Amino acid sequence: MQPRMGGIIQANIPDMDTLFACYMPYVAGGGLFVPSSQSVKMGDEVFILATLPEQTQKVPLTGKVIWISQKQNGIKPQGFGIQLSGEKGIYFRSEAERLLAGLKTEGRRSYTM
């Protein structure tokens, strides 16, 4: 994950472990945790360019900040989670869920809950 640059936050999800840790399936419409030191507030609307494992296409996502981890604690990184919105949010959610389908969850950790 890269820092915010010019109002756009880059979120590179290079592998399935990172996708599992970042994707928030329990959020209505899907959610994404973005490890970042960027300062955000609950309810802020943010713009993120995200890549998924096995894909080079950057997906432009917008969403509302619904989760904030202020401090890295060794297991969970500092960052924030957004509730995905719009057509690209629907696309990202369906692709993330397709990639994660059938993945064994035992022993994997989430950056949120």
PDB file of N, CA and C in Angstrom:
ATOM      1  N   MET A   1       0.850  -1.170   0.000  1.00  0.00           N
ATOM      2  CA  MET A   1       0.000   0.000   0.000  1.00  0.00           C
ATOM      3  C   MET A   1       0.898   1.236   0.000  1.00  0.00           C
ATOM      4  N   GLN A   2       0.514   2.227  -0.744  1.00  0.00           N
ATOM      5  CA  GLN A   2       1.330   3.420  -0.856  1.00  0.00           C
ATOM      6  C   GLN A   2       0.606   4.606  -0.236  1.00  0.00           C
ATOM      7  N   PRO A   3       1.364   5.648   0.136  1.00  0.00           N
ATOM      8  CA  PRO A   3       0.736   6.818   0.729  1.00  0.00           C
ATOM      9  C   PRO A   3      -0.088   7.594  -0.282  1.00  0.00           C
ATOM     10  N   ARG A   4      -0.902   8.475   0.235  1.00  0.00           N
ATOM     11  CA  ARG A   4      -1.744   9.321  -0.605  1.00  0.00           C
ATOM     12  C   ARG A   4      -0.869  10.225  -1.458  1.00  0.00           C
ATOM     13  N   MET A   5      -1.214  10.311  -2.729  1.00  0.00           N
ATOM     14  CA  MET A   5      -0.446  11.137  -3.649  1.00  0.00           C
ATOM     15  C   MET A   5      -1.420  11.965  -4.478  1.00  0.00           C
ATOM     16  N   GLY A   6      -1.390  13.279  -4.312  1.00  0.00           N
ATOM     17  CA  GLY A   6      -2.231  14.150  -5.107  1.00  0.00           C
ATOM     18  C   GLY A   6      -3.718  13.907  -4.914  1.00  0.00           C
ATOM     19  N   GLY A   7      -4.137  13.552  -3.712  1.00  0.00           N
ATOM     20  CA  GLY A   7      -5.551  13.332  -3.442  1.00  0.00           C
ATOM     21  C   GLY A   7      -6.024  11.931  -3.745  1.00  0.00           C
ATOM     22  N   ILE A   8      -5.142  11.093  -4.270  1.00  0.00           N
ATOM     23  CA  ILE A   8      -5.499   9.711  -4.594  1.00  0.00           C
ATOM     24  C   ILE A   8      -4.666   8.792  -3.711  1.00  0.00           C
ATOM     25  N   ILE A   9      -5.317   7.826  -3.124  1.00  0.00           N
ATOM     26  CA  ILE A   9      -4.626   6.848  -2.297  1.00  0.00           C
ATOM     27  C   ILE A   9      -4.478   5.568  -3.120  1.00  0.00           C
ATOM     28  N   GLN A  10      -3.243   5.088  -3.226  1.00  0.00           N
ATOM     29  CA  GLN A  10      -2.957   3.867  -3.967  1.00  0.00           C
ATOM     30  C   GLN A  10      -3.065   2.681  -3.015  1.00  0.00           C
ATOM     31  N   ALA A  11      -3.772   1.650  -3.412  1.00  0.00           N
ATOM     32  CA  ALA A  11      -3.892   0.432  -2.619  1.00  0.00           C
ATOM     33  C   ALA A  11      -3.548  -0.765  -3.498  1.00  0.00           C
ATOM     34  N   ASN A  12      -2.321  -1.240  -3.382  1.00  0.00           N
ATOM     35  CA  ASN A  12      -1.884  -2.398  -4.153  1.00  0.00           C
ATOM     36  C   ASN A  12      -2.082  -3.645  -3.289  1.00  0.00           C
ATOM     37  N   ILE A  13      -2.900  -4.553  -3.764  1.00  0.00           N
ATOM     38  CA  ILE A  13      -3.158  -5.804  -3.051  1.00  0.00           C
ATOM     39  C   ILE A  13      -2.472  -6.906  -3.853  1.00  0.00           C
ATOM     40  N   PRO A  14      -1.231  -7.242  -3.486  1.00  0.00           N
ATOM     41  CA  PRO A  14      -0.409  -8.110  -4.328  1.00  0.00           C
ATOM     42  C   PRO A  14      -0.720  -9.596  -4.260  1.00  0.00           C
ATOM     43  N   ASP A  15      -1.362 -10.048  -3.163  1.00  0.00           N
ATOM     44  CA  ASP A  15      -1.548 -11.487  -3.013  1.00  0.00           C
ATOM     45  C   ASP A  15      -2.834 -11.790  -2.247  1.00  0.00           C
ATOM     46  N   MET A  16      -3.155 -13.080  -2.189  1.00  0.00           N
ATOM     47  CA  MET A  16      -4.406 -13.507  -1.559  1.00  0.00           C
ATOM     48  C   MET A  16      -4.410 -13.264  -0.051  1.00  0.00           C
ATOM     49  N   ASP A  17      -3.266 -13.399   0.612  1.00  0.00           N
ATOM     50  CA  ASP A  17      -3.210 -13.132   2.050  1.00  0.00           C
ATOM     51  C   ASP A  17      -3.562 -11.677   2.343  1.00  0.00           C
ATOM     52  N   THR A  18      -3.031 -10.776   1.543  1.00  0.00           N
ATOM     53  CA  THR A  18      -3.325  -9.358   1.733  1.00  0.00           C
ATOM     54  C   THR A  18      -4.783  -9.062   1.422  1.00  0.00           C
ATOM     55  N   LEU A  19      -5.313  -9.668   0.357  1.00  0.00           N
ATOM     56  CA  LEU A  19      -6.725  -9.475   0.030  1.00  0.00           C
ATOM     57  C   LEU A  19      -7.607  -9.959   1.174  1.00  0.00           C
ATOM     58  N   PHE A  20      -7.305 -11.144   1.710  1.00  0.00           N
ATOM     59  CA  PHE A  20      -8.088 -11.672   2.825  1.00  0.00           C
ATOM     60  C   PHE A  20      -8.026 -10.717   4.019  1.00  0.00           C
ATOM     61  N   ALA A  21      -6.850 -10.181   4.298  1.00  0.00           N
ATOM     62  CA  ALA A  21      -6.674  -9.290   5.446  1.00  0.00           C
ATOM     63  C   ALA A  21      -7.384  -7.953   5.249  1.00  0.00           C
ATOM     64  N   CYS A  22      -7.492  -7.485   4.007  1.00  0.00           N
ATOM     65  CA  CYS A  22      -8.038  -6.152   3.730  1.00  0.00           C
ATOM     66  C   CYS A  22      -9.524  -6.128   3.388  1.00  0.00           C
ATOM     67  N   TYR A  23     -10.032  -7.180   2.776  1.00  0.00           N
ATOM     68  CA  TYR A  23     -11.430  -7.161   2.340  1.00  0.00           C
ATOM     69  C   TYR A  23     -12.354  -7.314   3.548  1.00  0.00           C
ATOM     70  N   MET A  24     -13.429  -6.547   3.571  1.00  0.00           N
ATOM     71  CA  MET A  24     -14.374  -6.535   4.689  1.00  0.00           C
ATOM     72  C   MET A  24     -15.748  -7.007   4.182  1.00  0.00           C
ATOM     73  N   PRO A  25     -15.978  -8.335   4.125  1.00  0.00           N
ATOM     74  CA  PRO A  25     -17.217  -8.862   3.547  1.00  0.00           C
ATOM     75  C   PRO A  25     -18.456  -8.591   4.393  1.00  0.00           C
ATOM     76  N   TYR A  26     -18.280  -8.291   5.654  1.00  0.00           N
ATOM     77  CA  TYR A  26     -19.406  -8.055   6.565  1.00  0.00           C
ATOM     78  C   TYR A  26     -19.967  -6.648   6.452  1.00  0.00           C
ATOM     79  N   VAL A  27     -19.365  -5.802   5.631  1.00  0.00           N
ATOM     80  CA  VAL A  27     -19.857  -4.447   5.406  1.00  0.00           C
ATOM     81  C   VAL A  27     -20.861  -4.486   4.258  1.00  0.00           C
ATOM     82  N   ALA A  28     -22.013  -3.866   4.444  1.00  0.00           N
ATOM     83  CA  ALA A  28     -23.033  -3.814   3.389  1.00  0.00           C
ATOM     84  C   ALA A  28     -22.416  -3.226   2.125  1.00  0.00           C
ATOM     85  N   GLY A  29     -22.475  -3.969   1.023  1.00  0.00           N
ATOM     86  CA  GLY A  29     -21.889  -3.508  -0.234  1.00  0.00           C
ATOM     87  C   GLY A  29     -20.406  -3.797  -0.347  1.00  0.00           C
ATOM     88  N   GLY A  30     -19.804  -4.341   0.696  1.00  0.00           N
ATOM     89  CA  GLY A  30     -18.376  -4.645   0.702  1.00  0.00           C
ATOM     90  C   GLY A  30     -17.561  -3.505   1.268  1.00  0.00           C
ATOM     91  N   GLY A  31     -16.444  -3.849   1.845  1.00  0.00           N
ATOM     92  CA  GLY A  31     -15.559  -2.848   2.420  1.00  0.00           C
ATOM     93  C   GLY A  31     -14.109  -3.210   2.157  1.00  0.00           C
ATOM     94  N   LEU A  32     -13.253  -2.214   2.268  1.00  0.00           N
ATOM     95  CA  LEU A  32     -11.830  -2.417   2.040  1.00  0.00           C
ATOM     96  C   LEU A  32     -11.040  -1.667   3.091  1.00  0.00           C
ATOM     97  N   PHE A  33     -10.140  -2.392   3.769  1.00  0.00           N
ATOM     98  CA  PHE A  33      -9.213  -1.768   4.702  1.00  0.00           C
ATOM     99  C   PHE A  33      -7.978  -1.361   3.925  1.00  0.00           C
ATOM    100  N   VAL A  34      -7.523  -0.119   4.130  1.00  0.00           N
ATOM    101  CA  VAL A  34      -6.367   0.414   3.434  1.00  0.00           C
ATOM    102  C   VAL A  34      -5.286   0.735   4.464  1.00  0.00           C
ATOM    103  N   PRO A  35      -4.222  -0.088   4.544  1.00  0.00           N
ATOM    104  CA  PRO A  35      -3.125   0.256   5.436  1.00  0.00           C
ATOM    105  C   PRO A  35      -2.507   1.572   4.982  1.00  0.00           C
ATOM    106  N   SER A  36      -2.511   2.556   5.870  1.00  0.00           N
ATOM    107  CA  SER A  36      -2.063   3.890   5.488  1.00  0.00           C
ATOM    108  C   SER A  36      -1.858   4.737   6.735  1.00  0.00           C
ATOM    109  N   SER A  37      -0.945   5.673   6.655  1.00  0.00           N
ATOM    110  CA  SER A  37      -0.779   6.642   7.737  1.00  0.00           C
ATOM    111  C   SER A  37      -1.531   7.930   7.415  1.00  0.00           C
ATOM    112  N   GLN A  38      -2.271   7.914   6.314  1.00  0.00           N
ATOM    113  CA  GLN A  38      -3.063   9.068   5.898  1.00  0.00           C
ATOM    114  C   GLN A  38      -4.074   9.433   6.980  1.00  0.00           C
ATOM    115  N   SER A  39      -4.182  10.690   7.293  1.00  0.00           N
ATOM    116  CA  SER A  39      -5.138  11.159   8.289  1.00  0.00           C
ATOM    117  C   SER A  39      -6.530  11.286   7.653  1.00  0.00           C
ATOM    118  N   VAL A  40      -7.481  10.528   8.193  1.00  0.00           N
ATOM    119  CA  VAL A  40      -8.864  10.591   7.738  1.00  0.00           C
ATOM    120  C   VAL A  40      -9.768  10.633   8.959  1.00  0.00           C
ATOM    121  N   LYS A  41     -11.009  11.006   8.737  1.00  0.00           N
ATOM    122  CA  LYS A  41     -12.002  11.039   9.807  1.00  0.00           C
ATOM    123  C   LYS A  41     -13.171  10.150   9.417  1.00  0.00           C
ATOM    124  N   MET A  42     -13.856   9.640  10.425  1.00  0.00           N
ATOM    125  CA  MET A  42     -15.055   8.844  10.174  1.00  0.00           C
ATOM    126  C   MET A  42     -16.013   9.650   9.300  1.00  0.00           C
ATOM    127  N   GLY A  43     -16.557   9.001   8.275  1.00  0.00           N
ATOM    128  CA  GLY A  43     -17.507   9.654   7.390  1.00  0.00           C
ATOM    129  C   GLY A  43     -16.880  10.356   6.197  1.00  0.00           C
ATOM    130  N   ASP A  44     -15.545  10.541   6.193  1.00  0.00           N
ATOM    131  CA  ASP A  44     -14.883  11.160   5.038  1.00  0.00           C
ATOM    132  C   ASP A  44     -15.125  10.314   3.796  1.00  0.00           C
ATOM    133  N   GLU A  45     -15.290  10.967   2.660  1.00  0.00           N
ATOM    134  CA  GLU A  45     -15.333  10.281   1.369  1.00  0.00           C
ATOM    135  C   GLU A  45     -13.908  10.279   0.823  1.00  0.00           C
ATOM    136  N   VAL A  46     -13.438   9.113   0.392  1.00  0.00           N
ATOM    137  CA  VAL A  46     -12.078   9.014  -0.129  1.00  0.00           C
ATOM    138  C   VAL A  46     -12.095   8.369  -1.510  1.00  0.00           C
ATOM    139  N   PHE A  47     -11.034   8.627  -2.268  1.00  0.00           N
ATOM    140  CA  PHE A  47     -10.853   8.050  -3.595  1.00  0.00           C
ATOM    141  C   PHE A  47      -9.606   7.187  -3.562  1.00  0.00           C
ATOM    142  N   ILE A  48      -9.736   5.944  -3.989  1.00  0.00           N
ATOM    143  CA  ILE A  48      -8.642   4.981  -3.937  1.00  0.00           C
ATOM    144  C   ILE A  48      -8.497   4.305  -5.291  1.00  0.00           C
ATOM    145  N   LEU A  49      -7.256   4.131  -5.722  1.00  0.00           N
ATOM    146  CA  LEU A  49      -6.962   3.296  -6.891  1.00  0.00           C
ATOM    147  C   LEU A  49      -6.416   1.985  -6.355  1.00  0.00           C
ATOM    148  N   ALA A  50      -7.153   0.911  -6.573  1.00  0.00           N
ATOM    149  CA  ALA A  50      -6.785  -0.391  -6.014  1.00  0.00           C
ATOM    150  C   ALA A  50      -6.486  -1.395  -7.111  1.00  0.00           C
ATOM    151  N   THR A  51      -5.536  -2.269  -6.835  1.00  0.00           N
ATOM    152  CA  THR A  51      -5.281  -3.404  -7.716  1.00  0.00           C
ATOM    153  C   THR A  51      -5.560  -4.671  -6.925  1.00  0.00           C
ATOM    154  N   LEU A  52      -6.027  -5.676  -7.613  1.00  0.00           N
ATOM    155  CA  LEU A  52      -6.314  -6.979  -7.015  1.00  0.00           C
ATOM    156  C   LEU A  52      -5.235  -7.977  -7.417  1.00  0.00           C
ATOM    157  N   PRO A  53      -5.063  -9.069  -6.628  1.00  0.00           N
ATOM    158  CA  PRO A  53      -4.089 -10.088  -7.020  1.00  0.00           C
ATOM    159  C   PRO A  53      -4.396 -10.614  -8.420  1.00  0.00           C
ATOM    160  N   GLU A  54      -3.343 -10.918  -9.157  1.00  0.00           N
ATOM    161  CA  GLU A  54      -3.447 -11.485 -10.496  1.00  0.00           C
ATOM    162  C   GLU A  54      -4.029 -10.513 -11.519  1.00  0.00           C
ATOM    163  N   GLN A  55      -4.153  -9.238 -11.169  1.00  0.00           N
ATOM    164  CA  GLN A  55      -4.679  -8.241 -12.095  1.00  0.00           C
ATOM    165  C   GLN A  55      -3.765  -7.019 -12.097  1.00  0.00           C
ATOM    166  N   THR A  56      -3.630  -6.404 -13.260  1.00  0.00           N
ATOM    167  CA  THR A  56      -2.813  -5.195 -13.357  1.00  0.00           C
ATOM    168  C   THR A  56      -3.682  -3.949 -13.446  1.00  0.00           C
ATOM    169  N   GLN A  57      -4.950  -4.131 -13.752  1.00  0.00           N
ATOM    170  CA  GLN A  57      -5.881  -3.015 -13.875  1.00  0.00           C
ATOM    171  C   GLN A  57      -6.087  -2.331 -12.528  1.00  0.00           C
ATOM    172  N   LYS A  58      -6.017  -1.007 -12.512  1.00  0.00           N
ATOM    173  CA  LYS A  58      -6.300  -0.250 -11.299  1.00  0.00           C
ATOM    174  C   LYS A  58      -7.794   0.076 -11.281  1.00  0.00           C
ATOM    175  N   VAL A  59      -8.434  -0.250 -10.164  1.00  0.00           N
ATOM    176  CA  VAL A  59      -9.867  -0.026 -10.027  1.00  0.00           C
ATOM    177  C   VAL A  59     -10.076   1.251  -9.224  1.00  0.00           C
ATOM    178  N   PRO A  60     -10.737   2.273  -9.809  1.00  0.00           N
ATOM    179  CA  PRO A  60     -11.001   3.506  -9.065  1.00  0.00           C
ATOM    180  C   PRO A  60     -12.187   3.301  -8.119  1.00  0.00           C
ATOM    181  N   LEU A  61     -11.923   3.421  -6.838  1.00  0.00           N
ATOM    182  CA  LEU A  61     -12.959   3.196  -5.830  1.00  0.00           C
ATOM    183  C   LEU A  61     -13.240   4.464  -5.043  1.00  0.00           C
ATOM    184  N   THR A  62     -14.501   4.642  -4.705  1.00  0.00           N
ATOM    185  CA  THR A  62     -14.877   5.698  -3.769  1.00  0.00           C
ATOM    186  C   THR A  62     -15.604   5.026  -2.620  1.00  0.00           C
ATOM    187  N   GLY A  63     -15.506   5.652  -1.476  1.00  0.00           N
ATOM    188  CA  GLY A  63     -16.190   5.096  -0.325  1.00  0.00           C
ATOM    189  C   GLY A  63     -16.100   6.005   0.872  1.00  0.00           C
ATOM    190  N   LYS A  64     -16.919   5.682   1.842  1.00  0.00           N
ATOM    191  CA  LYS A  64     -16.974   6.438   3.083  1.00  0.00           C
ATOM    192  C   LYS A  64     -16.149   5.713   4.137  1.00  0.00           C
ATOM    193  N   VAL A  65     -15.351   6.467   4.900  1.00  0.00           N
ATOM    194  CA  VAL A  65     -14.533   5.893   5.957  1.00  0.00           C
ATOM    195  C   VAL A  65     -15.453   5.406   7.082  1.00  0.00           C
ATOM    196  N   ILE A  66     -15.337   4.098   7.396  1.00  0.00           N
ATOM    197  CA  ILE A  66     -16.185   3.504   8.438  1.00  0.00           C
ATOM    198  C   ILE A  66     -15.363   2.828   9.531  1.00  0.00           C
ATOM    199  N   TRP A  67     -14.050   2.792   9.379  1.00  0.00           N
ATOM    200  CA  TRP A  67     -13.178   2.099  10.334  1.00  0.00           C
ATOM    201  C   TRP A  67     -11.846   2.827  10.348  1.00  0.00           C
ATOM    202  N   ILE A  68     -11.296   3.055  11.530  1.00  0.00           N
ATOM    203  CA  ILE A  68      -9.976   3.671  11.636  1.00  0.00           C
ATOM    204  C   ILE A  68      -9.155   2.916  12.674  1.00  0.00           C
ATOM    205  N   SER A  69      -7.964   2.493  12.269  1.00  0.00           N
ATOM    206  CA  SER A  69      -6.979   1.936  13.192  1.00  0.00           C
ATOM    207  C   SER A  69      -5.883   2.988  13.307  1.00  0.00           C
ATOM    208  N   GLN A  70      -5.846   3.660  14.444  1.00  0.00           N
ATOM    209  CA  GLN A  70      -4.941   4.797  14.622  1.00  0.00           C
ATOM    210  C   GLN A  70      -3.472   4.409  14.684  1.00  0.00           C
ATOM    211  N   LYS A  71      -3.197   3.228  15.231  1.00  0.00           N
ATOM    212  CA  LYS A  71      -1.823   2.886  15.535  1.00  0.00           C
ATOM    213  C   LYS A  71      -1.524   1.442  15.165  1.00  0.00           C
ATOM    214  N   GLN A  72      -0.372   1.234  14.573  1.00  0.00           N
ATOM    215  CA  GLN A  72       0.055  -0.123  14.264  1.00  0.00           C
ATOM    216  C   GLN A  72       0.407  -0.824  15.567  1.00  0.00           C
ATOM    217  N   ASN A  73      -0.057  -2.077  15.727  1.00  0.00           N
ATOM    218  CA  ASN A  73       0.210  -2.778  16.980  1.00  0.00           C
ATOM    219  C   ASN A  73       1.004  -4.060  16.801  1.00  0.00           C
ATOM    220  N   GLY A  74       1.650  -4.242  15.691  1.00  0.00           N
ATOM    221  CA  GLY A  74       2.440  -5.443  15.465  1.00  0.00           C
ATOM    222  C   GLY A  74       1.683  -6.497  14.676  1.00  0.00           C
ATOM    223  N   ILE A  75       0.377  -6.619  14.903  1.00  0.00           N
ATOM    224  CA  ILE A  75      -0.446  -7.587  14.175  1.00  0.00           C
ATOM    225  C   ILE A  75      -1.278  -6.870  13.125  1.00  0.00           C
ATOM    226  N   LYS A  76      -1.860  -5.766  13.538  1.00  0.00           N
ATOM    227  CA  LYS A  76      -2.746  -5.015  12.641  1.00  0.00           C
ATOM    228  C   LYS A  76      -2.124  -3.654  12.334  1.00  0.00           C
ATOM    229  N   PRO A  77      -2.045  -3.316  11.051  1.00  0.00           N
ATOM    230  CA  PRO A  77      -1.416  -2.048  10.671  1.00  0.00           C
ATOM    231  C   PRO A  77      -2.329  -0.848  10.897  1.00  0.00           C
ATOM    232  N   GLN A  78      -1.711   0.308  10.939  1.00  0.00           N
ATOM    233  CA  GLN A  78      -2.455   1.563  10.959  1.00  0.00           C
ATOM    234  C   GLN A  78      -3.146   1.719   9.619  1.00  0.00           C
ATOM    235  N   GLY A  79      -4.343   2.274   9.613  1.00  0.00           N
ATOM    236  CA  GLY A  79      -5.047   2.486   8.361  1.00  0.00           C
ATOM    237  C   GLY A  79      -6.518   2.763   8.596  1.00  0.00           C
ATOM    238  N   PHE A  80      -7.297   2.609   7.536  1.00  0.00           N
ATOM    239  CA  PHE A  80      -8.729   2.883   7.628  1.00  0.00           C
ATOM    240  C   PHE A  80      -9.490   1.972   6.676  1.00  0.00           C
ATOM    241  N   GLY A  81     -10.753   1.771   6.987  1.00  0.00           N
ATOM    242  CA  GLY A  81     -11.621   0.966   6.148  1.00  0.00           C
ATOM    243  C   GLY A  81     -12.699   1.827   5.537  1.00  0.00           C
ATOM    244  N   ILE A  82     -13.071   1.479   4.305  1.00  0.00           N
ATOM    245  CA  ILE A  82     -14.145   2.214   3.640  1.00  0.00           C
ATOM    246  C   ILE A  82     -15.270   1.260   3.260  1.00  0.00           C
ATOM    247  N   GLN A  83     -16.470   1.815   3.208  1.00  0.00           N
ATOM    248  CA  GLN A  83     -17.613   1.100   2.652  1.00  0.00           C
ATOM    249  C   GLN A  83     -17.640   1.440   1.173  1.00  0.00           C
ATOM    250  N   LEU A  84     -17.530   0.421   0.332  1.00  0.00           N
ATOM    251  CA  LEU A  84     -17.472   0.633  -1.110  1.00  0.00           C
ATOM    252  C   LEU A  84     -18.794   1.175  -1.629  1.00  0.00           C
ATOM    253  N   SER A  85     -18.711   1.997  -2.673  1.00  0.00           N
ATOM    254  CA  SER A  85     -19.932   2.537  -3.281  1.00  0.00           C
ATOM    255  C   SER A  85     -19.759   2.612  -4.795  1.00  0.00           C
ATOM    256  N   GLY A  86     -20.860   2.770  -5.488  1.00  0.00           N
ATOM    257  CA  GLY A  86     -20.847   2.933  -6.937  1.00  0.00           C
ATOM    258  C   GLY A  86     -20.617   1.634  -7.694  1.00  0.00           C
ATOM    259  N   GLU A  87     -20.635   1.754  -9.024  1.00  0.00           N
ATOM    260  CA  GLU A  87     -20.467   0.598  -9.901  1.00  0.00           C
ATOM    261  C   GLU A  87     -19.113  -0.071  -9.724  1.00  0.00           C
ATOM    262  N   LYS A  88     -18.069   0.723  -9.543  1.00  0.00           N
ATOM    263  CA  LYS A  88     -16.728   0.152  -9.369  1.00  0.00           C
ATOM    264  C   LYS A  88     -16.624  -0.565  -8.028  1.00  0.00           C
ATOM    265  N   GLY A  89     -17.351  -0.092  -7.033  1.00  0.00           N
ATOM    266  CA  GLY A  89     -17.397  -0.785  -5.747  1.00  0.00           C
ATOM    267  C   GLY A  89     -18.049  -2.151  -5.884  1.00  0.00           C
ATOM    268  N   ILE A  90     -19.120  -2.211  -6.675  1.00  0.00           N
ATOM    269  CA  ILE A  90     -19.797  -3.492  -6.934  1.00  0.00           C
ATOM    270  C   ILE A  90     -18.838  -4.439  -7.667  1.00  0.00           C
ATOM    271  N   TYR A  91     -18.130  -3.907  -8.666  1.00  0.00           N
ATOM    272  CA  TYR A  91     -17.163  -4.708  -9.406  1.00  0.00           C
ATOM    273  C   TYR A  91     -16.067  -5.236  -8.482  1.00  0.00           C
ATOM    274  N   PHE A  92     -15.498  -4.349  -7.661  1.00  0.00           N
ATOM    275  CA  PHE A  92     -14.411  -4.745  -6.767  1.00  0.00           C
ATOM    276  C   PHE A  92     -14.889  -5.828  -5.797  1.00  0.00           C
ATOM    277  N   ARG A  93     -16.065  -5.629  -5.231  1.00  0.00           N
ATOM    278  CA  ARG A  93     -16.625  -6.611  -4.298  1.00  0.00           C
ATOM    279  C   ARG A  93     -16.781  -7.977  -4.967  1.00  0.00           C
ATOM    280  N   SER A  94     -17.357  -8.000  -6.171  1.00  0.00           N
ATOM    281  CA  SER A  94     -17.573  -9.285  -6.839  1.00  0.00           C
ATOM    282  C   SER A  94     -16.246  -9.955  -7.200  1.00  0.00           C
ATOM    283  N   GLU A  95     -15.251  -9.189  -7.626  1.00  0.00           N
ATOM    284  CA  GLU A  95     -13.946  -9.752  -7.950  1.00  0.00           C
ATOM    285  C   GLU A  95     -13.237 -10.260  -6.695  1.00  0.00           C
ATOM    286  N   ALA A  96     -13.297  -9.495  -5.616  1.00  0.00           N
ATOM    287  CA  ALA A  96     -12.665  -9.916  -4.361  1.00  0.00           C
ATOM    288  C   ALA A  96     -13.309 -11.207  -3.864  1.00  0.00           C
ATOM    289  N   GLU A  97     -14.625 -11.271  -3.900  1.00  0.00           N
ATOM    290  CA  GLU A  97     -15.322 -12.465  -3.420  1.00  0.00           C
ATOM    291  C   GLU A  97     -15.076 -13.664  -4.334  1.00  0.00           C
ATOM    292  N   ARG A  98     -14.934 -13.416  -5.630  1.00  0.00           N
ATOM    293  CA  ARG A  98     -14.603 -14.494  -6.560  1.00  0.00           C
ATOM    294  C   ARG A  98     -13.215 -15.050  -6.246  1.00  0.00           C
ATOM    295  N   LEU A  99     -12.262 -14.160  -6.030  1.00  0.00           N
ATOM    296  CA  LEU A  99     -10.901 -14.591  -5.734  1.00  0.00           C
ATOM    297  C   LEU A  99     -10.801 -15.320  -4.390  1.00  0.00           C
ATOM    298  N   LEU A 100     -11.588 -14.874  -3.422  1.00  0.00           N
ATOM    299  CA  LEU A 100     -11.521 -15.463  -2.084  1.00  0.00           C
ATOM    300  C   LEU A 100     -12.384 -16.717  -1.922  1.00  0.00           C
ATOM    301  N   ALA A 101     -13.264 -16.983  -2.883  1.00  0.00           N
ATOM    302  CA  ALA A 101     -14.158 -18.144  -2.791  1.00  0.00           C
ATOM    303  C   ALA A 101     -13.351 -19.432  -2.645  1.00  0.00           C
ATOM    304  N   GLY A 102     -13.687 -20.214  -1.648  1.00  0.00           N
ATOM    305  CA  GLY A 102     -13.034 -21.487  -1.431  1.00  0.00           C
ATOM    306  C   GLY A 102     -11.685 -21.402  -0.736  1.00  0.00           C
ATOM    307  N   LEU A 103     -11.229 -20.205  -0.442  1.00  0.00           N
ATOM    308  CA  LEU A 103      -9.943 -20.028   0.234  1.00  0.00           C
ATOM    309  C   LEU A 103     -10.061 -20.484   1.682  1.00  0.00           C
ATOM    310  N   LYS A 104      -9.129 -21.283   2.117  1.00  0.00           N
ATOM    311  CA  LYS A 104      -9.138 -21.714   3.516  1.00  0.00           C
ATOM    312  C   LYS A 104      -8.835 -20.511   4.406  1.00  0.00           C
ATOM    313  N   THR A 105      -9.682 -20.294   5.405  1.00  0.00           N
ATOM    314  CA  THR A 105      -9.520 -19.123   6.270  1.00  0.00           C
ATOM    315  C   THR A 105      -8.768 -19.432   7.551  1.00  0.00           C
ATOM    316  N   GLU A 106      -8.610 -20.692   7.849  1.00  0.00           N
ATOM    317  CA  GLU A 106      -7.921 -21.078   9.087  1.00  0.00           C
ATOM    318  C   GLU A 106      -6.500 -20.536   9.104  1.00  0.00           C
ATOM    319  N   GLY A 107      -6.153 -19.853  10.183  1.00  0.00           N
ATOM    320  CA  GLY A 107      -4.806 -19.319  10.346  1.00  0.00           C
ATOM    321  C   GLY A 107      -4.573 -17.981   9.665  1.00  0.00           C
ATOM    322  N   ARG A 108      -5.541 -17.491   8.918  1.00  0.00           N
ATOM    323  CA  ARG A 108      -5.387 -16.192   8.250  1.00  0.00           C
ATOM    324  C   ARG A 108      -5.924 -15.091   9.160  1.00  0.00           C
ATOM    325  N   ARG A 109      -5.305 -13.945   9.094  1.00  0.00           N
ATOM    326  CA  ARG A 109      -5.714 -12.830   9.942  1.00  0.00           C
ATOM    327  C   ARG A 109      -6.285 -11.687   9.118  1.00  0.00           C
ATOM    328  N   SER A 110      -7.257 -11.028   9.714  1.00  0.00           N
ATOM    329  CA  SER A 110      -7.851  -9.846   9.107  1.00  0.00           C
ATOM    330  C   SER A 110      -7.237  -8.608   9.752  1.00  0.00           C
ATOM    331  N   TYR A 111      -7.154  -7.528   9.006  1.00  0.00           N
ATOM    332  CA  TYR A 111      -6.660  -6.275   9.568  1.00  0.00           C
ATOM    333  C   TYR A 111      -7.739  -5.558  10.380  1.00  0.00           C
ATOM    334  N   THR A 112      -8.955  -6.077  10.346  1.00  0.00           N
ATOM    335  CA  THR A 112     -10.042  -5.419  11.081  1.00  0.00           C
ATOM    336  C   THR A 112     -10.575  -6.350  12.156  1.00  0.00           C
ATOM    337  N   MET A 113     -11.628  -7.106  11.856  1.00  0.00           N
ATOM    338  CA  MET A 113     -12.231  -7.972  12.879  1.00  0.00           C
ATOM    339  C   MET A 113     -11.871  -9.421  12.663  1.00  0.00           C
TER     340      MET A 113
END
